[in-house]
mmCIF file of all heavy atoms, coordinates in Angstrom:
data_MODEL
# 
_entry.id   MODEL 
# 
loop_
_atom_site.group_PDB 
_atom_site.id 
_atom_site.type_symbol 
_atom_site.label_atom_id 
_atom_site.label_alt_id 
_atom_site.label_comp_id 
_atom_site.label_asym_id 
_atom_site.label_entity_id 
_atom_site.label_seq_id 
_atom_site.pdbx_PDB_ins_code 
_atom_site.Cartn_x 
_atom_site.Cartn_y 
_atom_site.Cartn_z 
_atom_site.occupancy 
_atom_site.B_iso_or_equiv 
_atom_site.pdbx_formal_charge 
_atom_site.auth_seq_id 
_atom_site.auth_comp_id 
_atom_site.auth_asym_id 
_atom_site.auth_atom_id 
_atom_site.pdbx_PDB_model_num 
ATOM 1   N N   . ILE A 1 1  ? 0.866  -1.173  0.000   1.00 0.00 ? 1  ILE A N   1 
ATOM 2   C CA  . ILE A 1 1  ? 0.000  0.000   0.000   1.00 0.00 ? 1  ILE A CA  1 
ATOM 3   C C   . ILE A 1 1  ? 0.902  1.221   0.000   1.00 0.00 ? 1  ILE A C   1 
ATOM 4   O O   . ILE A 1 1  ? 1.696  1.407   0.936   1.00 0.00 ? 1  ILE A O   1 
ATOM 5   C CB  . ILE A 1 1  ? -0.926 0.034   1.227   1.00 0.00 ? 1  ILE A CB  1 
ATOM 6   C CG1 . ILE A 1 1  ? -1.829 -1.205  1.250   1.00 0.00 ? 1  ILE A CG1 1 
ATOM 7   C CG2 . ILE A 1 1  ? -1.784 1.308   1.231   1.00 0.00 ? 1  ILE A CG2 1 
ATOM 8   C CD1 . ILE A 1 1  ? -2.637 -1.344  2.527   1.00 0.00 ? 1  ILE A CD1 1 
ATOM 9   N N   . VAL A 1 2  ? 0.819  2.032   -1.036  1.00 0.00 ? 2  VAL A N   1 
ATOM 10  C CA  . VAL A 1 2  ? 1.634  3.247   -1.128  1.00 0.00 ? 2  VAL A CA  1 
ATOM 11  C C   . VAL A 1 2  ? 0.868  4.429   -0.553  1.00 0.00 ? 2  VAL A C   1 
ATOM 12  O O   . VAL A 1 2  ? -0.292 4.655   -0.914  1.00 0.00 ? 2  VAL A O   1 
ATOM 13  C CB  . VAL A 1 2  ? 2.037  3.533   -2.585  1.00 0.00 ? 2  VAL A CB  1 
ATOM 14  C CG1 . VAL A 1 2  ? 2.674  4.920   -2.705  1.00 0.00 ? 2  VAL A CG1 1 
ATOM 15  C CG2 . VAL A 1 2  ? 2.998  2.467   -3.092  1.00 0.00 ? 2  VAL A CG2 1 
ATOM 16  N N   . LYS A 1 3  ? 1.510  5.145   0.363   1.00 0.00 ? 3  LYS A N   1 
ATOM 17  C CA  . LYS A 1 3  ? 0.999  6.442   0.804   1.00 0.00 ? 3  LYS A CA  1 
ATOM 18  C C   . LYS A 1 3  ? 1.682  7.451   -0.097  1.00 0.00 ? 3  LYS A C   1 
ATOM 19  O O   . LYS A 1 3  ? 2.820  7.831   0.098   1.00 0.00 ? 3  LYS A O   1 
ATOM 20  C CB  . LYS A 1 3  ? 1.337  6.672   2.282   1.00 0.00 ? 3  LYS A CB  1 
ATOM 21  C CG  . LYS A 1 3  ? 0.374  7.619   3.018   1.00 0.00 ? 3  LYS A CG  1 
ATOM 22  C CD  . LYS A 1 3  ? 0.433  9.058   2.538   1.00 0.00 ? 3  LYS A CD  1 
ATOM 23  C CE  . LYS A 1 3  ? 1.699  9.734   2.986   1.00 0.00 ? 3  LYS A CE  1 
ATOM 24  N NZ  . LYS A 1 3  ? 1.757  11.173  2.535   1.00 0.00 ? 3  LYS A NZ  1 
ATOM 25  N N   . SER A 1 4  ? 0.959  7.882   -1.124  1.00 0.00 ? 4  SER A N   1 
ATOM 26  C CA  . SER A 1 4  ? 1.541  8.720   -2.160  1.00 0.00 ? 4  SER A CA  1 
ATOM 27  C C   . SER A 1 4  ? 2.014  10.057  -1.589  1.00 0.00 ? 4  SER A C   1 
ATOM 28  O O   . SER A 1 4  ? 1.378  10.623  -0.693  1.00 0.00 ? 4  SER A O   1 
ATOM 29  C CB  . SER A 1 4  ? 0.502  8.968   -3.260  1.00 0.00 ? 4  SER A CB  1 
ATOM 30  O OG  . SER A 1 4  ? 1.058  9.671   -4.334  1.00 0.00 ? 4  SER A OG  1 
ATOM 31  N N   . HIS A 1 5  ? 3.127  10.565  -2.116  1.00 0.00 ? 5  HIS A N   1 
ATOM 32  C CA  . HIS A 1 5  ? 3.633  11.854  -1.624  1.00 0.00 ? 5  HIS A CA  1 
ATOM 33  C C   . HIS A 1 5  ? 2.776  12.986  -2.189  1.00 0.00 ? 5  HIS A C   1 
ATOM 34  O O   . HIS A 1 5  ? 2.522  13.040  -3.395  1.00 0.00 ? 5  HIS A O   1 
ATOM 35  C CB  . HIS A 1 5  ? 5.091  12.061  -2.016  1.00 0.00 ? 5  HIS A CB  1 
ATOM 36  C CG  . HIS A 1 5  ? 5.757  13.098  -1.171  1.00 0.00 ? 5  HIS A CG  1 
ATOM 37  N ND1 . HIS A 1 5  ? 5.533  14.447  -1.347  1.00 0.00 ? 5  HIS A ND1 1 
ATOM 38  C CD2 . HIS A 1 5  ? 6.599  12.991  -0.110  1.00 0.00 ? 5  HIS A CD2 1 
ATOM 39  C CE1 . HIS A 1 5  ? 6.225  15.127  -0.452  1.00 0.00 ? 5  HIS A CE1 1 
ATOM 40  N NE2 . HIS A 1 5  ? 6.880  14.264  0.314   1.00 0.00 ? 5  HIS A NE2 1 
ATOM 41  N N   . PRO A 1 6  ? 2.338  13.915  -1.350  1.00 0.00 ? 6  PRO A N   1 
ATOM 42  C CA  . PRO A 1 6  ? 1.430  14.968  -1.820  1.00 0.00 ? 6  PRO A CA  1 
ATOM 43  C C   . PRO A 1 6  ? 2.051  15.932  -2.823  1.00 0.00 ? 6  PRO A C   1 
ATOM 44  O O   . PRO A 1 6  ? 1.325  16.610  -3.550  1.00 0.00 ? 6  PRO A O   1 
ATOM 45  C CB  . PRO A 1 6  ? 1.038  15.700  -0.530  1.00 0.00 ? 6  PRO A CB  1 
ATOM 46  C CG  . PRO A 1 6  ? 2.129  15.399  0.441   1.00 0.00 ? 6  PRO A CG  1 
ATOM 47  C CD  . PRO A 1 6  ? 2.588  14.012  0.105   1.00 0.00 ? 6  PRO A CD  1 
ATOM 48  N N   . MET A 1 7  ? 3.371  15.996  -2.905  1.00 0.00 ? 7  MET A N   1 
ATOM 49  C CA  . MET A 1 7  ? 3.993  16.906  -3.862  1.00 0.00 ? 7  MET A CA  1 
ATOM 50  C C   . MET A 1 7  ? 3.921  16.390  -5.293  1.00 0.00 ? 7  MET A C   1 
ATOM 51  O O   . MET A 1 7  ? 4.033  17.168  -6.240  1.00 0.00 ? 7  MET A O   1 
ATOM 52  C CB  . MET A 1 7  ? 5.457  17.145  -3.481  1.00 0.00 ? 7  MET A CB  1 
ATOM 53  C CG  . MET A 1 7  ? 5.643  17.943  -2.217  1.00 0.00 ? 7  MET A CG  1 
ATOM 54  S SD  . MET A 1 7  ? 7.399  18.239  -1.924  1.00 0.00 ? 7  MET A SD  1 
ATOM 55  C CE  . MET A 1 7  ? 7.342  18.962  -0.271  1.00 0.00 ? 7  MET A CE  1 
ATOM 56  N N   . HIS A 1 8  ? 3.781  15.069  -5.455  1.00 0.00 ? 8  HIS A N   1 
ATOM 57  C CA  . HIS A 1 8  ? 3.694  14.528  -6.817  1.00 0.00 ? 8  HIS A CA  1 
ATOM 58  C C   . HIS A 1 8  ? 2.629  13.434  -6.884  1.00 0.00 ? 8  HIS A C   1 
ATOM 59  O O   . HIS A 1 8  ? 2.853  12.329  -7.378  1.00 0.00 ? 8  HIS A O   1 
ATOM 60  C CB  . HIS A 1 8  ? 5.049  14.018  -7.312  1.00 0.00 ? 8  HIS A CB  1 
ATOM 61  C CG  . HIS A 1 8  ? 5.824  13.185  -6.328  1.00 0.00 ? 8  HIS A CG  1 
ATOM 62  N ND1 . HIS A 1 8  ? 5.532  11.867  -6.078  1.00 0.00 ? 8  HIS A ND1 1 
ATOM 63  C CD2 . HIS A 1 8  ? 6.879  13.503  -5.534  1.00 0.00 ? 8  HIS A CD2 1 
ATOM 64  C CE1 . HIS A 1 8  ? 6.377  11.395  -5.191  1.00 0.00 ? 8  HIS A CE1 1 
ATOM 65  N NE2 . HIS A 1 8  ? 7.204  12.363  -4.827  1.00 0.00 ? 8  HIS A NE2 1 
ATOM 66  N N   . ALA A 1 9  ? 1.436  13.789  -6.404  1.00 0.00 ? 9  ALA A N   1 
ATOM 67  C CA  . ALA A 1 9  ? 0.323  12.840  -6.384  1.00 0.00 ? 9  ALA A CA  1 
ATOM 68  C C   . ALA A 1 9  ? -0.130 12.449  -7.792  1.00 0.00 ? 9  ALA A C   1 
ATOM 69  O O   . ALA A 1 9  ? -0.587 11.325  -8.016  1.00 0.00 ? 9  ALA A O   1 
ATOM 70  C CB  . ALA A 1 9  ? -0.852 13.428  -5.607  1.00 0.00 ? 9  ALA A CB  1 
ATOM 71  N N   . GLY A 1 10 ? -0.020 13.365  -8.743  1.00 0.00 ? 10 GLY A N   1 
ATOM 72  C CA  . GLY A 1 10 ? -0.404 13.056  -10.115 1.00 0.00 ? 10 GLY A CA  1 
ATOM 73  C C   . GLY A 1 10 ? 0.535  12.036  -10.734 1.00 0.00 ? 10 GLY A C   1 
ATOM 74  O O   . GLY A 1 10 ? 0.097  11.072  -11.377 1.00 0.00 ? 10 GLY A O   1 
ATOM 75  N N   . THR A 1 11 ? 1.822  12.240  -10.558 1.00 0.00 ? 11 THR A N   1 
ATOM 76  C CA  . THR A 1 11 ? 2.815  11.265  -11.011 1.00 0.00 ? 11 THR A CA  1 
ATOM 77  C C   . THR A 1 11 ? 2.545  9.917   -10.359 1.00 0.00 ? 11 THR A C   1 
ATOM 78  O O   . THR A 1 11 ? 2.575  8.871   -11.013 1.00 0.00 ? 11 THR A O   1 
ATOM 79  C CB  . THR A 1 11 ? 4.228  11.751  -10.654 1.00 0.00 ? 11 THR A CB  1 
ATOM 80  O OG1 . THR A 1 11 ? 4.431  13.058  -11.190 1.00 0.00 ? 11 THR A OG1 1 
ATOM 81  C CG2 . THR A 1 11 ? 5.283  10.812  -11.193 1.00 0.00 ? 11 THR A CG2 1 
ATOM 82  N N   . GLY A 1 12 ? 2.266  9.959   -9.055  1.00 0.00 ? 12 GLY A N   1 
ATOM 83  C CA  . GLY A 1 12 ? 1.999  8.738   -8.318  1.00 0.00 ? 12 GLY A CA  1 
ATOM 84  C C   . GLY A 1 12 ? 0.784  7.990   -8.838  1.00 0.00 ? 12 GLY A C   1 
ATOM 85  O O   . GLY A 1 12 ? 0.803  6.760   -8.967  1.00 0.00 ? 12 GLY A O   1 
ATOM 86  N N   . GLU A 1 13 ? -0.286 8.727   -9.160  1.00 0.00 ? 13 GLU A N   1 
ATOM 87  C CA  . GLU A 1 13 ? -1.488 8.059   -9.662  1.00 0.00 ? 13 GLU A CA  1 
ATOM 88  C C   . GLU A 1 13 ? -1.229 7.399   -11.017 1.00 0.00 ? 13 GLU A C   1 
ATOM 89  O O   . GLU A 1 13 ? -1.691 6.280   -11.281 1.00 0.00 ? 13 GLU A O   1 
ATOM 90  C CB  . GLU A 1 13 ? -2.656 9.039   -9.783  1.00 0.00 ? 13 GLU A CB  1 
ATOM 91  C CG  . GLU A 1 13 ? -3.945 8.328   -10.199 1.00 0.00 ? 13 GLU A CG  1 
ATOM 92  C CD  . GLU A 1 13 ? -5.095 9.265   -10.476 1.00 0.00 ? 13 GLU A CD  1 
ATOM 93  O OE1 . GLU A 1 13 ? -5.189 10.320  -9.813  1.00 0.00 ? 13 GLU A OE1 1 
ATOM 94  O OE2 . GLU A 1 13 ? -5.916 8.950   -11.361 1.00 0.00 ? 13 GLU A OE2 1 
ATOM 95  N N   . MET A 1 14 ? -0.481 8.087   -11.876 1.00 0.00 ? 14 MET A N   1 
ATOM 96  C CA  . MET A 1 14 ? -0.197 7.510   -13.181 1.00 0.00 ? 14 MET A CA  1 
ATOM 97  C C   . MET A 1 14 ? 0.636  6.236   -13.060 1.00 0.00 ? 14 MET A C   1 
ATOM 98  O O   . MET A 1 14 ? 0.363  5.223   -13.719 1.00 0.00 ? 14 MET A O   1 
ATOM 99  C CB  . MET A 1 14 ? 0.519  8.536   -14.060 1.00 0.00 ? 14 MET A CB  1 
ATOM 100 C CG  . MET A 1 14 ? -0.348 9.728   -14.436 1.00 0.00 ? 14 MET A CG  1 
ATOM 101 S SD  . MET A 1 14 ? 0.471  10.845  -15.603 1.00 0.00 ? 14 MET A SD  1 
ATOM 102 C CE  . MET A 1 14 ? 0.443  9.859   -17.098 1.00 0.00 ? 14 MET A CE  1 
ATOM 103 N N   . VAL A 1 15 ? 1.649  6.268   -12.213 1.00 0.00 ? 15 VAL A N   1 
ATOM 104 C CA  . VAL A 1 15 ? 2.469  5.069   -12.006 1.00 0.00 ? 15 VAL A CA  1 
ATOM 105 C C   . VAL A 1 15 ? 1.634  3.966   -11.363 1.00 0.00 ? 15 VAL A C   1 
ATOM 106 O O   . VAL A 1 15 ? 1.744  2.789   -11.717 1.00 0.00 ? 15 VAL A O   1 
ATOM 107 C CB  . VAL A 1 15 ? 3.710  5.397   -11.158 1.00 0.00 ? 15 VAL A CB  1 
ATOM 108 C CG1 . VAL A 1 15 ? 4.487  4.125   -10.824 1.00 0.00 ? 15 VAL A CG1 1 
ATOM 109 C CG2 . VAL A 1 15 ? 4.619  6.386   -11.885 1.00 0.00 ? 15 VAL A CG2 1 
ATOM 110 N N   . ALA A 1 16 ? 0.751  4.345   -10.422 1.00 0.00 ? 16 ALA A N   1 
ATOM 111 C CA  . ALA A 1 16 ? -0.125 3.358   -9.779  1.00 0.00 ? 16 ALA A CA  1 
ATOM 112 C C   . ALA A 1 16 ? -1.014 2.675   -10.811 1.00 0.00 ? 16 ALA A C   1 
ATOM 113 O O   . ALA A 1 16 ? -1.267 1.459   -10.730 1.00 0.00 ? 16 ALA A O   1 
ATOM 114 C CB  . ALA A 1 16 ? -0.973 4.029   -8.705  1.00 0.00 ? 16 ALA A CB  1 
ATOM 115 N N   . SER A 1 17 ? -1.471 3.427   -11.792 1.00 0.00 ? 17 SER A N   1 
ATOM 116 C CA  . SER A 1 17 ? -2.315 2.825   -12.832 1.00 0.00 ? 17 SER A CA  1 
ATOM 117 C C   . SER A 1 17 ? -1.536 1.759   -13.599 1.00 0.00 ? 17 SER A C   1 
ATOM 118 O O   . SER A 1 17 ? -2.105 0.734   -14.013 1.00 0.00 ? 17 SER A O   1 
ATOM 119 C CB  . SER A 1 17 ? -2.837 3.899   -13.789 1.00 0.00 ? 17 SER A CB  1 
ATOM 120 O OG  . SER A 1 17 ? -1.816 4.396   -14.648 1.00 0.00 ? 17 SER A OG  1 
ATOM 121 N N   . ALA A 1 18 ? -0.239 1.989   -13.794 1.00 0.00 ? 18 ALA A N   1 
ATOM 122 C CA  . ALA A 1 18 ? 0.598  1.000   -14.475 1.00 0.00 ? 18 ALA A CA  1 
ATOM 123 C C   . ALA A 1 18 ? 0.737  -0.269  -13.641 1.00 0.00 ? 18 ALA A C   1 
ATOM 124 O O   . ALA A 1 18 ? 0.695  -1.388  -14.172 1.00 0.00 ? 18 ALA A O   1 
ATOM 125 C CB  . ALA A 1 18 ? 1.976  1.598   -14.764 1.00 0.00 ? 18 ALA A CB  1 
ATOM 126 N N   . VAL A 1 19 ? 0.904  -0.101  -12.320 1.00 0.00 ? 19 VAL A N   1 
ATOM 127 C CA  . VAL A 1 19 ? 1.018  -1.265  -11.440 1.00 0.00 ? 19 VAL A CA  1 
ATOM 128 C C   . VAL A 1 19 ? -0.283 -2.066  -11.448 1.00 0.00 ? 19 VAL A C   1 
ATOM 129 O O   . VAL A 1 19 ? -0.273 -3.306  -11.510 1.00 0.00 ? 19 VAL A O   1 
ATOM 130 C CB  . VAL A 1 19 ? 1.367  -0.827  -10.006 1.00 0.00 ? 19 VAL A CB  1 
ATOM 131 C CG1 . VAL A 1 19 ? 1.510  -2.054  -9.092  1.00 0.00 ? 19 VAL A CG1 1 
ATOM 132 C CG2 . VAL A 1 19 ? 2.661  -0.008  -9.969  1.00 0.00 ? 19 VAL A CG2 1 
ATOM 133 N N   . ILE A 1 20 ? -1.405 -1.364  -11.373 1.00 0.00 ? 20 ILE A N   1 
ATOM 134 C CA  . ILE A 1 20 ? -2.705 -2.039  -11.369 1.00 0.00 ? 20 ILE A CA  1 
ATOM 135 C C   . ILE A 1 20 ? -2.935 -2.803  -12.681 1.00 0.00 ? 20 ILE A C   1 
ATOM 136 O O   . ILE A 1 20 ? -3.387 -3.959  -12.678 1.00 0.00 ? 20 ILE A O   1 
ATOM 137 C CB  . ILE A 1 20 ? -3.836 -1.021  -11.135 1.00 0.00 ? 20 ILE A CB  1 
ATOM 138 C CG1 . ILE A 1 20 ? -3.736 -0.419  -9.731  1.00 0.00 ? 20 ILE A CG1 1 
ATOM 139 C CG2 . ILE A 1 20 ? -5.194 -1.677  -11.349 1.00 0.00 ? 20 ILE A CG2 1 
ATOM 140 C CD1 . ILE A 1 20 ? -3.868 -1.412  -8.602  1.00 0.00 ? 20 ILE A CD1 1 
ATOM 141 N N   . LYS A 1 21 ? -2.605 -2.181  -13.805 1.00 0.00 ? 21 LYS A N   1 
ATOM 142 C CA  . LYS A 1 21 ? -2.770 -2.860  -15.097 1.00 0.00 ? 21 LYS A CA  1 
ATOM 143 C C   . LYS A 1 21 ? -1.886 -4.101  -15.152 1.00 0.00 ? 21 LYS A C   1 
ATOM 144 O O   . LYS A 1 21 ? -2.296 -5.159  -15.657 1.00 0.00 ? 21 LYS A O   1 
ATOM 145 C CB  . LYS A 1 21 ? -2.421 -1.911  -16.239 1.00 0.00 ? 21 LYS A CB  1 
ATOM 146 C CG  . LYS A 1 21 ? -3.483 -0.852  -16.502 1.00 0.00 ? 21 LYS A CG  1 
ATOM 147 C CD  . LYS A 1 21 ? -3.087 0.057   -17.655 1.00 0.00 ? 21 LYS A CD  1 
ATOM 148 C CE  . LYS A 1 21 ? -4.131 1.139   -17.881 1.00 0.00 ? 21 LYS A CE  1 
ATOM 149 N NZ  . LYS A 1 21 ? -3.739 2.086   -18.963 1.00 0.00 ? 21 LYS A NZ  1 
ATOM 150 N N   . ALA A 1 22 ? -0.677 -3.978  -14.640 1.00 0.00 ? 22 ALA A N   1 
ATOM 151 C CA  . ALA A 1 22 ? 0.231  -5.126  -14.630 1.00 0.00 ? 22 ALA A CA  1 
ATOM 152 C C   . ALA A 1 22 ? -0.317 -6.245  -13.752 1.00 0.00 ? 22 ALA A C   1 
ATOM 153 O O   . ALA A 1 22 ? -0.222 -7.432  -14.104 1.00 0.00 ? 22 ALA A O   1 
ATOM 154 C CB  . ALA A 1 22 ? 1.608  -4.688  -14.140 1.00 0.00 ? 22 ALA A CB  1 
ATOM 155 N N   . ALA A 1 23 ? -0.884 -5.885  -12.616 1.00 0.00 ? 23 ALA A N   1 
ATOM 156 C CA  . ALA A 1 23 ? -1.460 -6.889  -11.714 1.00 0.00 ? 23 ALA A CA  1 
ATOM 157 C C   . ALA A 1 23 ? -2.604 -7.632  -12.405 1.00 0.00 ? 23 ALA A C   1 
ATOM 158 O O   . ALA A 1 23 ? -2.736 -8.858  -12.288 1.00 0.00 ? 23 ALA A O   1 
ATOM 159 C CB  . ALA A 1 23 ? -1.944 -6.228  -10.431 1.00 0.00 ? 23 ALA A CB  1 
ATOM 160 N N   . GLN A 1 24 ? -3.429 -6.896  -13.129 1.00 0.00 ? 24 GLN A N   1 
ATOM 161 C CA  . GLN A 1 24 ? -4.556 -7.514  -13.823 1.00 0.00 ? 24 GLN A CA  1 
ATOM 162 C C   . GLN A 1 24 ? -4.086 -8.405  -14.969 1.00 0.00 ? 24 GLN A C   1 
ATOM 163 O O   . GLN A 1 24 ? -4.595 -9.520  -15.156 1.00 0.00 ? 24 GLN A O   1 
ATOM 164 C CB  . GLN A 1 24 ? -5.502 -6.427  -14.347 1.00 0.00 ? 24 GLN A CB  1 
ATOM 165 C CG  . GLN A 1 24 ? -6.210 -5.656  -13.236 1.00 0.00 ? 24 GLN A CG  1 
ATOM 166 C CD  . GLN A 1 24 ? -6.989 -4.456  -13.761 1.00 0.00 ? 24 GLN A CD  1 
ATOM 167 O OE1 . GLN A 1 24 ? -6.593 -3.831  -14.748 1.00 0.00 ? 24 GLN A OE1 1 
ATOM 168 N NE2 . GLN A 1 24 ? -8.088 -4.120  -13.107 1.00 0.00 ? 24 GLN A NE2 1 
ATOM 169 N N   . LYS A 1 25 ? -3.108 -7.934  -15.722 1.00 0.00 ? 25 LYS A N   1 
ATOM 170 C CA  . LYS A 1 25 ? -2.606 -8.712  -16.859 1.00 0.00 ? 25 LYS A CA  1 
ATOM 171 C C   . LYS A 1 25 ? -1.935 -10.004 -16.416 1.00 0.00 ? 25 LYS A C   1 
ATOM 172 O O   . LYS A 1 25 ? -1.917 -10.985 -17.181 1.00 0.00 ? 25 LYS A O   1 
ATOM 173 C CB  . LYS A 1 25 ? -1.613 -7.871  -17.674 1.00 0.00 ? 25 LYS A CB  1 
ATOM 174 C CG  . LYS A 1 25 ? -2.262 -6.811  -18.543 1.00 0.00 ? 25 LYS A CG  1 
ATOM 175 C CD  . LYS A 1 25 ? -1.219 -6.136  -19.431 1.00 0.00 ? 25 LYS A CD  1 
ATOM 176 C CE  . LYS A 1 25 ? -1.878 -5.165  -20.413 1.00 0.00 ? 25 LYS A CE  1 
ATOM 177 N NZ  . LYS A 1 25 ? -0.879 -4.531  -21.308 1.00 0.00 ? 25 LYS A NZ  1 
ATOM 178 N N   . THR A 1 26 ? -1.347 -10.020 -15.227 1.00 0.00 ? 26 THR A N   1 
ATOM 179 C CA  . THR A 1 26 ? -0.612 -11.202 -14.761 1.00 0.00 ? 26 THR A CA  1 
ATOM 180 C C   . THR A 1 26 ? -1.393 -11.998 -13.712 1.00 0.00 ? 26 THR A C   1 
ATOM 181 O O   . THR A 1 26 ? -0.824 -12.856 -13.036 1.00 0.00 ? 26 THR A O   1 
ATOM 182 C CB  . THR A 1 26 ? 0.759  -10.780 -14.192 1.00 0.00 ? 26 THR A CB  1 
ATOM 183 O OG1 . THR A 1 26 ? 0.572  -9.818  -13.142 1.00 0.00 ? 26 THR A OG1 1 
ATOM 184 C CG2 . THR A 1 26 ? 1.626  -10.156 -15.284 1.00 0.00 ? 26 THR A CG2 1 
# 
């Protein structure tokens, strides 16, 4: 569980979407 850093929450959400897609694909 990542507690995203508030200074780059947008970057964090985009990277999180990649992790989620990878989890679903595998």
